[in-house]
C-alpha atoms as a PDB file:
ATOM      1  CA  MET A   1     -20.422  28.247 -19.649  1.00  0.00           C
ATOM      2  CA  SER A   2     -21.551  27.442 -23.194  1.00  0.00           C
ATOM      3  CA  ARG A   3     -20.881  24.760 -25.768  1.00  0.00           C
ATOM      4  CA  SER A   4     -22.249  24.578 -29.274  1.00  0.00           C
ATOM      5  CA  PHE A   5     -22.870  22.231 -32.172  1.00  0.00           C
ATOM      6  CA  LYS A   6     -23.387  23.709 -35.617  1.00  0.00           C
ATOM      7  CA  CYS A   7     -25.079  22.003 -38.541  1.00  0.00           C
ATOM      8  CA  SER A   8     -25.000  23.961 -41.768  1.00  0.00           C
ATOM      9  CA  ALA A   9     -28.183  24.567 -43.783  1.00  0.00           C
ATOM     10  CA  ARG A  10     -30.486  23.562 -40.912  1.00  0.00           C
ATOM     11  CA  HIS A  11     -32.641  25.721 -38.688  1.00  0.00           C
ATOM     12  CA  GLY A  12     -33.171  24.326 -35.191  1.00  0.00           C
ATOM     13  CA  TYR A  13     -36.806  24.303 -34.059  1.00  0.00           C
ATOM     14  CA  ALA A  14     -36.897  22.181 -30.912  1.00  0.00           C
ATOM     15  CA  VAL A  15     -34.568  20.367 -28.549  1.00  0.00           C
ATOM     16  CA  GLU A  16     -35.298  17.704 -25.925  1.00  0.00           C
ATOM     17  CA  ILE A  17     -32.827  16.204 -23.481  1.00  0.00           C
ATOM     18  CA  SER A  18     -33.181  12.454 -22.971  1.00  0.00           C
ATOM     19  CA  PRO A  19     -35.019  11.371 -19.811  1.00  0.00           C
ATOM     20  CA  PHE A  20     -32.669   8.348 -19.686  1.00  0.00           C
ATOM     21  CA  PHE A  21     -29.220   9.733 -20.599  1.00  0.00           C
ATOM     22  CA  PRO A  22     -28.157  13.064 -19.049  1.00  0.00           C
ATOM     23  CA  ASN A  23     -25.753  13.898 -21.885  1.00  0.00           C
ATOM     24  CA  ARG A  24     -27.984  12.985 -24.841  1.00  0.00           C
ATOM     25  CA  LEU A  25     -30.330  15.287 -26.701  1.00  0.00           C
ATOM     26  CA  ALA A  26     -32.463  15.350 -29.825  1.00  0.00           C
ATOM     27  CA  CYS A  27     -32.899  18.395 -32.045  1.00  0.00           C
ATOM     28  CA  ALA A  28     -35.614  18.808 -34.696  1.00  0.00           C
ATOM     29  CA  THR A  29     -34.418  20.890 -37.640  1.00  0.00           C
ATOM     30  CA  SER A  30     -35.596  22.163 -41.019  1.00  0.00           C
ATOM     31  CA  GLN A  31     -34.100  23.659 -44.149  1.00  0.00           C
ATOM     32  CA  TYR A  32     -34.955  27.194 -45.223  1.00  0.00           C
ATOM     33  CA  TYR A  33     -36.777  28.076 -41.997  1.00  0.00           C
ATOM     34  CA  GLY A  34     -39.283  25.269 -42.619  1.00  0.00           C
ATOM     35  CA  ILE A  35     -40.743  26.968 -45.695  1.00  0.00           C
ATOM     36  CA  ALA A  36     -39.285  24.430 -48.126  1.00  0.00           C
ATOM     37  CA  GLY A  37     -36.854  21.533 -48.209  1.00  0.00           C
ATOM     38  CA  CYS A  38     -36.395  18.610 -45.853  1.00  0.00           C
ATOM     39  CA  GLY A  39     -35.874  18.101 -42.133  1.00  0.00           C
ATOM     40  CA  THR A  40     -33.333  16.307 -39.977  1.00  0.00           C
ATOM     41  CA  LEU A  41     -33.486  14.858 -36.492  1.00  0.00           C
ATOM     42  CA  LEU A  42     -30.066  15.318 -34.908  1.00  0.00           C
ATOM     43  CA  VAL A  43     -29.119  13.016 -32.042  1.00  0.00           C
ATOM     44  CA  LEU A  44     -26.308  14.626 -30.084  1.00  0.00           C
ATOM     45  CA  GLU A  45     -24.209  13.802 -27.048  1.00  0.00           C
ATOM     46  CA  GLN A  46     -22.210  16.049 -24.794  1.00  0.00           C
ATOM     47  CA  ARG A  47     -18.709  14.710 -24.265  1.00  0.00           C
ATOM     48  CA  GLU A  48     -16.271  17.091 -22.673  1.00  0.00           C
ATOM     49  CA  PRO A  49     -15.372  19.511 -24.053  1.00  0.00           C
ATOM     50  CA  ASP A  50     -17.668  19.174 -27.106  1.00  0.00           C
ATOM     51  CA  ILE A  51     -21.165  18.275 -28.277  1.00  0.00           C
ATOM     52  CA  LEU A  52     -20.875  15.410 -30.788  1.00  0.00           C
ATOM     53  CA  LEU A  53     -23.228  14.059 -33.465  1.00  0.00           C
ATOM     54  CA  LEU A  54     -24.356  10.487 -32.771  1.00  0.00           C
ATOM     55  CA  ASN A  55     -26.912  10.127 -35.569  1.00  0.00           C
ATOM     56  CA  SER A  56     -28.577  12.178 -38.264  1.00  0.00           C
ATOM     57  CA  LEU A  57     -32.073  11.076 -39.361  1.00  0.00           C
ATOM     58  CA  ASP A  58     -33.556  12.706 -42.468  1.00  0.00           C
ATOM     59  CA  TRP A  59     -37.194  13.297 -43.388  1.00  0.00           C
ATOM     60  CA  ASN A  60     -38.620  14.630 -46.646  1.00  0.00           C
ATOM     61  CA  ASP A  61     -40.248  17.671 -45.015  1.00  0.00           C
ATOM     62  CA  GLY A  62     -39.369  20.082 -42.241  1.00  0.00           C
ATOM     63  CA  LEU A  63     -39.349  18.859 -38.614  1.00  0.00           C
ATOM     64  CA  PHE A  64     -40.767  21.285 -36.053  1.00  0.00           C
ATOM     65  CA  ASP A  65     -40.861  19.465 -32.708  1.00  0.00           C
ATOM     66  CA  VAL A  66     -39.425  16.400 -30.973  1.00  0.00           C
ATOM     67  CA  THR A  67     -40.216  14.354 -27.869  1.00  0.00           C
ATOM     68  CA  TRP A  68     -38.473  11.350 -26.326  1.00  0.00           C
ATOM     69  CA  SER A  69     -40.302   8.147 -25.453  1.00  0.00           C
ATOM     70  CA  GLU A  70     -40.882   7.666 -21.739  1.00  0.00           C
ATOM     71  CA  SER A  71     -40.658   3.874 -22.121  1.00  0.00           C
ATOM     72  CA  ASN A  72     -37.782   3.234 -24.563  1.00  0.00           C
ATOM     73  CA  GLU A  73     -34.484   5.110 -24.281  1.00  0.00           C
ATOM     74  CA  HIS A  74     -33.792   4.998 -28.029  1.00  0.00           C
ATOM     75  CA  VAL A  75     -37.195   6.087 -29.362  1.00  0.00           C
ATOM     76  CA  ALA A  76     -38.049   9.675 -30.279  1.00  0.00           C
ATOM     77  CA  VAL A  77     -41.016  11.213 -32.115  1.00  0.00           C
ATOM     78  CA  THR A  78     -40.998  14.241 -34.405  1.00  0.00           C
ATOM     79  CA  GLY A  79     -43.705  16.377 -35.996  1.00  0.00           C
ATOM     80  CA  GLY A  80     -43.385  17.224 -39.675  1.00  0.00           C
ATOM     81  CA  GLY A  81     -44.406  19.816 -42.194  1.00  0.00           C
ATOM     82  CA  ASP A  82     -46.274  17.167 -44.203  1.00  0.00           C
ATOM     83  CA  GLY A  83     -48.803  16.664 -41.373  1.00  0.00           C
ATOM     84  CA  SER A  84     -47.309  13.387 -40.121  1.00  0.00           C
ATOM     85  CA  LEU A  85     -45.561  12.207 -36.957  1.00  0.00           C
ATOM     86  CA  GLN A  86     -42.452  10.068 -37.298  1.00  0.00           C
ATOM     87  CA  ILE A  87     -41.416   7.482 -34.691  1.00  0.00           C
ATOM     88  CA  TRP A  88     -37.638   6.939 -34.818  1.00  0.00           C
ATOM     89  CA  ASP A  89     -35.199   4.424 -33.414  1.00  0.00           C
ATOM     90  CA  THR A  90     -32.369   6.885 -32.825  1.00  0.00           C
ATOM     91  CA  ALA A  91     -29.837   4.048 -32.643  1.00  0.00           C
ATOM     92  CA  ASN A  92     -30.765   2.912 -36.166  1.00  0.00           C
ATOM     93  CA  PRO A  93     -30.520   5.631 -38.852  1.00  0.00           C
ATOM     94  CA  ARG A  94     -32.454   3.753 -41.549  1.00  0.00           C
ATOM     95  CA  GLY A  95     -35.647   5.792 -41.501  1.00  0.00           C
ATOM     96  CA  PRO A  96     -38.633   5.985 -39.153  1.00  0.00           C
ATOM     97  CA  LEU A  97     -40.093   2.905 -37.476  1.00  0.00           C
ATOM     98  CA  ARG A  98     -43.616   4.231 -38.032  1.00  0.00           C
ATOM     99  CA  VAL A  99     -45.287   7.222 -39.641  1.00  0.00           C
ATOM    100  CA  LEU A 100     -48.538   8.429 -38.073  1.00  0.00           C
ATOM    101  CA  LYS A 101     -50.898  10.154 -40.499  1.00  0.00           C
ATOM    102  CA  GLY A 102     -54.074  12.063 -39.746  1.00  0.00           C
ATOM    103  CA  HIS A 103     -53.383  15.794 -39.646  1.00  0.00           C
ATOM    104  CA  THR A 104     -53.948  17.738 -42.846  1.00  0.00           C
ATOM    105  CA  GLN A 105     -51.389  20.496 -42.227  1.00  0.00           C
ATOM    106  CA  GLU A 106     -48.049  20.986 -40.441  1.00  0.00           C
ATOM    107  CA  VAL A 107     -47.553  19.273 -37.078  1.00  0.00           C
ATOM    108  CA  TYR A 108     -45.967  21.913 -34.882  1.00  0.00           C
ATOM    109  CA  ALA A 109     -46.119  20.188 -31.485  1.00  0.00           C
ATOM    110  CA  VAL A 110     -45.622  16.656 -30.151  1.00  0.00           C
ATOM    111  CA  ASP A 111     -45.410  15.396 -26.570  1.00  0.00           C
ATOM    112  CA  TRP A 112     -45.160  11.966 -24.911  1.00  0.00           C
ATOM    113  CA  SER A 113     -47.224  11.506 -21.754  1.00  0.00           C
ATOM    114  CA  GLN A 114     -45.231  11.421 -18.513  1.00  0.00           C
ATOM    115  CA  THR A 115     -47.920  10.161 -16.143  1.00  0.00           C
ATOM    116  CA  ARG A 116     -47.441   6.674 -14.770  1.00  0.00           C
ATOM    117  CA  GLY A 117     -49.300   3.864 -16.513  1.00  0.00           C
ATOM    118  CA  GLU A 118     -50.072   5.980 -19.568  1.00  0.00           C
ATOM    119  CA  ASN A 119     -48.466   5.569 -22.993  1.00  0.00           C
ATOM    120  CA  LEU A 120     -49.881   8.266 -25.239  1.00  0.00           C
ATOM    121  CA  LEU A 121     -48.707  10.907 -27.687  1.00  0.00           C
ATOM    122  CA  VAL A 122     -50.384  14.240 -28.316  1.00  0.00           C
ATOM    123  CA  SER A 123     -49.825  16.391 -31.394  1.00  0.00           C
ATOM    124  CA  GLY A 124     -50.917  19.880 -32.360  1.00  0.00           C
ATOM    125  CA  SER A 125     -51.304  21.016 -35.950  1.00  0.00           C
ATOM    126  CA  TRP A 126     -51.913  24.000 -38.146  1.00  0.00           C
ATOM    127  CA  ASP A 127     -55.169  22.244 -39.141  1.00  0.00           C
ATOM    128  CA  HIS A 128     -56.576  23.643 -35.825  1.00  0.00           C
ATOM    129  CA  THR A 129     -56.804  20.202 -34.160  1.00  0.00           C
ATOM    130  CA  ALA A 130     -54.989  18.228 -31.500  1.00  0.00           C
ATOM    131  CA  ARG A 131     -54.746  14.470 -31.882  1.00  0.00           C
ATOM    132  CA  VAL A 132     -53.992  11.816 -29.284  1.00  0.00           C
ATOM    133  CA  TRP A 133     -52.164   8.698 -30.469  1.00  0.00           C
ATOM    134  CA  ASP A 134     -51.411   5.225 -29.170  1.00  0.00           C
ATOM    135  CA  PRO A 135     -47.760   4.726 -30.176  1.00  0.00           C
ATOM    136  CA  GLU A 136     -48.053   0.930 -29.828  1.00  0.00           C
ATOM    137  CA  SER A 137     -50.945   0.513 -32.259  1.00  0.00           C
ATOM    138  CA  CYS A 138     -49.994   3.680 -34.192  1.00  0.00           C
ATOM    139  CA  GLN A 139     -53.651   4.689 -34.189  1.00  0.00           C
ATOM    140  CA  SER A 140     -55.244   8.040 -33.468  1.00  0.00           C
ATOM    141  CA  VAL A 141     -57.477   7.567 -30.430  1.00  0.00           C
ATOM    142  CA  ALA A 142     -58.956  11.073 -30.269  1.00  0.00           C
ATOM    143  CA  THR A 143     -59.228  14.234 -32.350  1.00  0.00           C
ATOM    144  CA  LEU A 144     -59.956  17.355 -30.307  1.00  0.00           C
ATOM    145  CA  GLN A 145     -61.375  20.488 -31.875  1.00  0.00           C
ATOM    146  CA  GLY A 146     -62.059  23.907 -30.406  1.00  0.00           C
ATOM    147  CA  HIS A 147     -59.212  26.220 -31.295  1.00  0.00           C
ATOM    148  CA  GLU A 148     -59.932  28.760 -34.023  1.00  0.00           C
ATOM    149  CA  GLY A 149     -56.305  29.135 -35.068  1.00  0.00           C
ATOM    150  CA  VAL A 150     -53.226  27.039 -35.712  1.00  0.00           C
ATOM    151  CA  LEU A 151     -51.933  25.027 -32.743  1.00  0.00           C
ATOM    152  CA  TYR A 152     -48.396  25.827 -31.662  1.00  0.00           C
ATOM    153  CA  SER A 153     -48.091  23.846 -28.430  1.00  0.00           C
ATOM    154  CA  THR A 154     -49.577  20.698 -26.864  1.00  0.00           C
ATOM    155  CA  VAL A 155     -48.188  19.577 -23.510  1.00  0.00           C
ATOM    156  CA  TRP A 156     -49.324  16.742 -21.232  1.00  0.00           C
ATOM    157  CA  SER A 157     -49.928  17.459 -17.572  1.00  0.00           C
ATOM    158  CA  PRO A 158     -47.187  15.742 -15.533  1.00  0.00           C
ATOM    159  CA  HIS A 159     -49.728  15.211 -12.728  1.00  0.00           C
ATOM    160  CA  ILE A 160     -53.179  14.457 -14.149  1.00  0.00           C
ATOM    161  CA  PRO A 161     -53.683  11.417 -16.429  1.00  0.00           C
ATOM    162  CA  ALA A 162     -55.225  12.039 -19.866  1.00  0.00           C
ATOM    163  CA  CYS A 163     -54.989  15.818 -19.456  1.00  0.00           C
ATOM    164  CA  PHE A 164     -53.055  18.205 -21.691  1.00  0.00           C
ATOM    165  CA  ALA A 165     -52.842  21.923 -22.394  1.00  0.00           C
ATOM    166  CA  SER A 166     -52.706  23.574 -25.803  1.00  0.00           C
ATOM    167  CA  THR A 167     -52.077  27.061 -27.143  1.00  0.00           C
ATOM    168  CA  SER A 168     -52.941  28.564 -30.478  1.00  0.00           C
ATOM    169  CA  GLY A 169     -52.902  31.492 -32.828  1.00  0.00           C
ATOM    170  CA  ASP A 170     -56.362  32.339 -31.502  1.00  0.00           C
ATOM    171  CA  GLY A 171     -54.865  33.634 -28.228  1.00  0.00           C
ATOM    172  CA  MET A 172     -56.439  30.856 -26.158  1.00  0.00           C
ATOM    173  CA  LEU A 173     -55.009  28.453 -23.615  1.00  0.00           C
ATOM    174  CA  ARG A 174     -57.135  25.306 -23.470  1.00  0.00           C
ATOM    175  CA  VAL A 175     -57.033  22.377 -21.047  1.00  0.00           C
ATOM    176  CA  TRP A 176     -58.377  19.065 -22.373  1.00  0.00           C
ATOM    177  CA  ASP A 177     -59.690  15.860 -20.833  1.00  0.00           C
ATOM    178  CA  VAL A 178     -58.967  13.053 -23.287  1.00  0.00           C
ATOM    179  CA  LYS A 179     -61.284  10.564 -21.532  1.00  0.00           C
ATOM    180  CA  ALA A 180     -64.193  12.974 -21.840  1.00  0.00           C
ATOM    181  CA  GLY A 181     -63.061  13.980 -25.314  1.00  0.00           C
ATOM    182  CA  SER A 182     -63.612  17.648 -24.602  1.00  0.00           C
ATOM    183  CA  CYS A 183     -62.098  20.948 -23.539  1.00  0.00           C
ATOM    184  CA  GLN A 184     -62.479  21.487 -19.788  1.00  0.00           C
ATOM    185  CA  LEU A 185     -61.197  25.060 -19.640  1.00  0.00           C
ATOM    186  CA  ALA A 186     -60.589  27.854 -22.148  1.00  0.00           C
ATOM    187  CA  ILE A 187     -58.623  30.926 -21.059  1.00  0.00           C
ATOM    188  CA  PRO A 188     -58.159  34.024 -23.271  1.00  0.00           C
ATOM    189  CA  ALA A 189     -54.556  34.144 -22.111  1.00  0.00           C
ATOM    190  CA  HIS A 190     -53.114  36.755 -24.502  1.00  0.00           C
ATOM    191  CA  LYS A 191     -54.462  39.194 -27.060  1.00  0.00           C
ATOM    192  CA  ALA A 192     -51.954  37.687 -29.492  1.00  0.00           C
ATOM    193  CA  GLU A 193     -50.809  34.351 -30.883  1.00  0.00           C
ATOM    194  CA  ILE A 194     -49.557  32.044 -28.117  1.00  0.00           C
ATOM    195  CA  LEU A 195     -46.534  30.061 -29.274  1.00  0.00           C
ATOM    196  CA  SER A 196     -45.843  27.930 -26.187  1.00  0.00           C
ATOM    197  CA  CYS A 197     -47.073  26.642 -22.834  1.00  0.00           C
ATOM    198  CA  ASP A 198     -45.815  24.391 -20.058  1.00  0.00           C
ATOM    199  CA  TRP A 199     -47.045  22.892 -16.788  1.00  0.00           C
ATOM    200  CA  CYS A 200     -45.401  23.483 -13.434  1.00  0.00           C
ATOM    201  CA  LYS A 201     -43.715  20.287 -12.260  1.00  0.00           C
ATOM    202  CA  TYR A 202     -44.689  20.862  -8.593  1.00  0.00           C
ATOM    203  CA  ASP A 203     -48.221  22.293  -8.770  1.00  0.00           C
ATOM    204  CA  GLN A 204     -50.833  20.634 -10.972  1.00  0.00           C
ATOM    205  CA  SER A 205     -52.810  23.863 -11.341  1.00  0.00           C
ATOM    206  CA  ILE A 206     -50.078  26.163 -12.676  1.00  0.00           C
ATOM    207  CA  VAL A 207     -49.425  26.713 -16.416  1.00  0.00           C
ATOM    208  CA  VAL A 208     -47.210  29.278 -18.137  1.00  0.00           C
ATOM    209  CA  THR A 209     -47.839  30.721 -21.609  1.00  0.00           C
ATOM    210  CA  GLY A 210     -45.557  32.687 -23.954  1.00  0.00           C
ATOM    211  CA  ALA A 211     -46.817  34.781 -26.853  1.00  0.00           C
ATOM    212  CA  ILE A 212     -45.862  37.061 -29.712  1.00  0.00           C
ATOM    213  CA  ASP A 213     -46.769  40.050 -27.479  1.00  0.00           C
ATOM    214  CA  CYS A 214     -43.300  39.493 -25.874  1.00  0.00           C
ATOM    215  CA  SER A 215     -44.814  38.435 -22.533  1.00  0.00           C
ATOM    216  CA  LEU A 216     -45.137  35.312 -20.412  1.00  0.00           C
ATOM    217  CA  CYS A 217     -48.206  34.785 -18.238  1.00  0.00           C
ATOM    218  CA  VAL A 218     -48.458  32.342 -15.337  1.00  0.00           C
ATOM    219  CA  TRP A 219     -51.963  30.962 -14.790  1.00  0.00           C
ATOM    220  CA  ASP A 220     -53.699  29.114 -11.971  1.00  0.00           C
ATOM    221  CA  VAL A 221     -56.326  27.070 -13.823  1.00  0.00           C
ATOM    222  CA  ARG A 222     -58.535  26.956 -10.695  1.00  0.00           C
ATOM    223  CA  SER A 223     -59.085  30.734 -10.891  1.00  0.00           C
ATOM    224  CA  ALA A 224     -58.101  31.932 -14.325  1.00  0.00           C
ATOM    225  CA  GLY A 225     -59.654  35.394 -14.366  1.00  0.00           C
ATOM    226  CA  GLN A 226     -56.243  37.071 -14.089  1.00  0.00           C
ATOM    227  CA  PRO A 227     -52.717  35.676 -14.415  1.00  0.00           C
ATOM    228  CA  VAL A 228     -50.786  34.909 -11.248  1.00  0.00           C
ATOM    229  CA  ALA A 229     -47.858  36.755 -12.816  1.00  0.00           C
ATOM    230  CA  GLN A 230     -46.969  38.525 -16.046  1.00  0.00           C
ATOM    231  CA  LEU A 231     -43.290  38.428 -17.006  1.00  0.00           C
ATOM    232  CA  LEU A 232     -41.989  41.220 -19.235  1.00  0.00           C
ATOM    233  CA  GLY A 233     -38.527  41.689 -20.682  1.00  0.00           C
ATOM    234  CA  HIS A 234     -38.304  40.064 -24.105  1.00  0.00           C
ATOM    235  CA  SER A 235     -38.302  42.490 -27.022  1.00  0.00           C
ATOM    236  CA  TYR A 236     -39.704  40.061 -29.612  1.00  0.00           C
ATOM    237  CA  ALA A 237     -42.018  37.035 -29.635  1.00  0.00           C
ATOM    238  CA  VAL A 238     -41.571  34.405 -26.917  1.00  0.00           C
ATOM    239  CA  ARG A 239     -41.011  31.154 -28.811  1.00  0.00           C
ATOM    240  CA  ARG A 240     -40.755  28.529 -26.045  1.00  0.00           C
ATOM    241  CA  VAL A 241     -41.336  28.362 -22.287  1.00  0.00           C
ATOM    242  CA  LYS A 242     -40.312  25.605 -19.865  1.00  0.00           C
ATOM    243  CA  PHE A 243     -40.688  25.164 -16.113  1.00  0.00           C
ATOM    244  CA  SER A 244     -37.660  24.005 -14.156  1.00  0.00           C
ATOM    245  CA  PRO A 245     -37.775  20.354 -13.027  1.00  0.00           C
ATOM    246  CA  PHE A 246     -35.960  21.348  -9.815  1.00  0.00           C
ATOM    247  CA  TYR A 247     -37.546  24.600  -8.571  1.00  0.00           C
ATOM    248  CA  LYS A 248     -41.283  25.208  -8.237  1.00  0.00           C
ATOM    249  CA  THR A 249     -41.452  28.826  -9.382  1.00  0.00           C
ATOM    250  CA  VAL A 250     -38.449  28.970 -11.749  1.00  0.00           C
ATOM    251  CA  LEU A 251     -38.877  28.840 -15.522  1.00  0.00           C
ATOM    252  CA  ALA A 252     -37.028  29.676 -18.718  1.00  0.00           C
ATOM    253  CA  SER A 253     -38.066  31.307 -21.974  1.00  0.00           C
ATOM    254  CA  CYS A 254     -36.448  31.844 -25.351  1.00  0.00           C
ATOM    255  CA  SER A 255     -37.313  34.390 -27.969  1.00  0.00           C
ATOM    256  CA  TYR A 256     -36.850  35.805 -31.423  1.00  0.00           C
ATOM    257  CA  ASP A 257     -34.843  38.536 -29.658  1.00  0.00           C
ATOM    258  CA  PHE A 258     -31.902  36.039 -29.604  1.00  0.00           C
ATOM    259  CA  THR A 259     -32.017  35.642 -25.797  1.00  0.00           C
ATOM    260  CA  VAL A 260     -32.817  33.004 -23.209  1.00  0.00           C
ATOM    261  CA  ARG A 261     -34.205  34.356 -19.953  1.00  0.00           C
ATOM    262  CA  PHE A 262     -34.605  32.762 -16.537  1.00  0.00           C
ATOM    263  CA  TRP A 263     -37.405  33.814 -14.221  1.00  0.00           C
ATOM    264  CA  ASP A 264     -38.751  33.214 -10.713  1.00  0.00           C
ATOM    265  CA  TYR A 265     -42.358  34.330 -10.853  1.00  0.00           C
ATOM    266  CA  SER A 266     -42.594  34.415  -7.036  1.00  0.00           C
ATOM    267  CA  ARG A 267     -40.019  37.247  -6.886  1.00  0.00           C
ATOM    268  CA  SER A 268     -40.077  40.926  -7.756  1.00  0.00           C
ATOM    269  CA  PRO A 269     -38.400  41.599 -10.041  1.00  0.00           C
ATOM    270  CA  ALA A 270     -38.931  38.145 -11.517  1.00  0.00           C
ATOM    271  CA  LEU A 271     -36.058  38.158 -14.030  1.00  0.00           C
ATOM    272  CA  LEU A 272     -33.102  36.131 -12.733  1.00  0.00           C
ATOM    273  CA  ASP A 273     -30.754  36.145 -15.726  1.00  0.00           C
ATOM    274  CA  THR A 274     -30.522  36.870 -19.452  1.00  0.00           C
ATOM    275  CA  VAL A 275     -28.286  34.710 -21.659  1.00  0.00           C
ATOM    276  CA  GLU A 276     -27.166  36.303 -24.938  1.00  0.00           C
ATOM    277  CA  HIS A 277     -24.988  33.592 -26.507  1.00  0.00           C
ATOM    278  CA  HIS A 278     -27.129  33.311 -29.647  1.00  0.00           C
ATOM    279  CA  SER A 279     -26.870  35.271 -32.898  1.00  0.00           C
ATOM    280  CA  GLU A 280     -30.173  34.073 -34.413  1.00  0.00           C
ATOM    281  CA  PHE A 281     -33.786  33.445 -33.341  1.00  0.00           C
ATOM    282  CA  VAL A 282     -33.892  31.039 -30.387  1.00  0.00           C
ATOM    283  CA  CYS A 283     -36.704  28.595 -31.164  1.00  0.00           C
ATOM    284  CA  GLY A 284     -36.472  25.907 -28.487  1.00  0.00           C
ATOM    285  CA  LEU A 285     -35.115  25.075 -25.069  1.00  0.00           C
ATOM    286  CA  ASP A 286     -35.143  22.284 -22.537  1.00  0.00           C
ATOM    287  CA  PHE A 287     -34.014  21.770 -18.959  1.00  0.00           C
ATOM    288  CA  ASN A 288     -31.839  18.771 -18.150  1.00  0.00           C
ATOM    289  CA  LEU A 289     -33.800  16.467 -15.812  1.00  0.00           C
ATOM    290  CA  HIS A 290     -30.547  15.091 -14.393  1.00  0.00           C
ATOM    291  CA  ILE A 291     -28.373  18.186 -13.935  1.00  0.00           C
ATOM    292  CA  PRO A 292     -29.774  21.278 -12.154  1.00  0.00           C
ATOM    293  CA  ASN A 293     -29.711  24.559 -14.103  1.00  0.00           C
ATOM    294  CA  GLN A 294     -28.475  23.028 -17.366  1.00  0.00           C
ATOM    295  CA  VAL A 295     -30.437  24.157 -20.429  1.00  0.00           C
ATOM    296  CA  LYS A 296     -30.100  23.401 -24.161  1.00  0.00           C
ATOM    297  CA  CYS A 297     -31.344  25.738 -26.904  1.00  0.00           C
ATOM    298  CA  PRO A 298     -31.372  25.452 -30.731  1.00  0.00           C
ATOM    299  CA  THR A 299     -31.196  28.422 -33.104  1.00  0.00           C
ATOM    300  CA  GLY A 300     -31.031  28.916 -36.830  1.00  0.00           C
ATOM    301  CA  PRO A 301     -30.251  28.927 -39.651  1.00  0.00           C
ATOM    302  CA  GLN A 302     -27.658  26.691 -38.010  1.00  0.00           C
ATOM    303  CA  SER A 303     -28.424  24.441 -35.078  1.00  0.00           C
ATOM    304  CA  ASN A 304     -26.453  26.076 -32.320  1.00  0.00           C
ATOM    305  CA  LEU A 305     -26.939  24.342 -28.978  1.00  0.00           C
ATOM    306  CA  VAL A 306     -25.830  26.342 -25.985  1.00  0.00           C
ATOM    307  CA  GLU A 307     -25.496  25.043 -22.451  1.00  0.00           C
ATOM    308  CA  ALA A 308     -26.020  27.589 -19.690  1.00  0.00           C
ATOM    309  CA  ASP A 309     -25.095  26.450 -16.199  1.00  0.00           C
END
């Protein structure tokens, strides 16, 4: 089953389903593939049989990623082409509540910490750095350097406080300890740019990476000499990877080959399904935390959000 929402003159880069409302999602978009023009945060809601626009929030540069607050159901954060992060009240379309400045190039990744008792943002930029932010004070609390290429993905561990993973154009997967202010592990995960990573929701040691070499690799960070699994099937770059919130070894990937693929890395063959609803690059995806097997994906140059049950 699929449903779609189309927004002309916008290219969808990332989508996140609300952790509070099962039918609400946010989509970060840009004009002209993010090369020029402005960006828009689309706040959408699924109401049978359609996906409807609740709010449209404009920014003066492209928006490349989005994350929902874990403490306020209306707050979302985006990363922009001007090097800033924007904190939005999605119920009030008057402009951002705060703008966080510190990066010197595009912010391509943002994530809100999910561990209990922690209220932090992490961002990854084309300036080769990751920054950790306190969204209450709107201050940068740490700048972490080590990657030798642009950062494409920064994702908090759902298990370990003050720990996040990052991937980069340098082909490295790095795991960081914010309290120590340093990289704890560096894995040469692909011989190519790595566009995405995600943590397993049921095992604190498992991370998946997706790269422009068309492959996904599953890593156990306790013994990272070889991947636990390598998943092959995409014919172009893997743009985003996400672990299922319901099944330990199930994950999804989307690609510039216009497909979304579902995998179980514990099986052979690992490929469970291939969804071919899209007619453009698929740049983002997210699992619904409330509804098993429901996934949203944006494409471009229109934002086309497809639900696959």
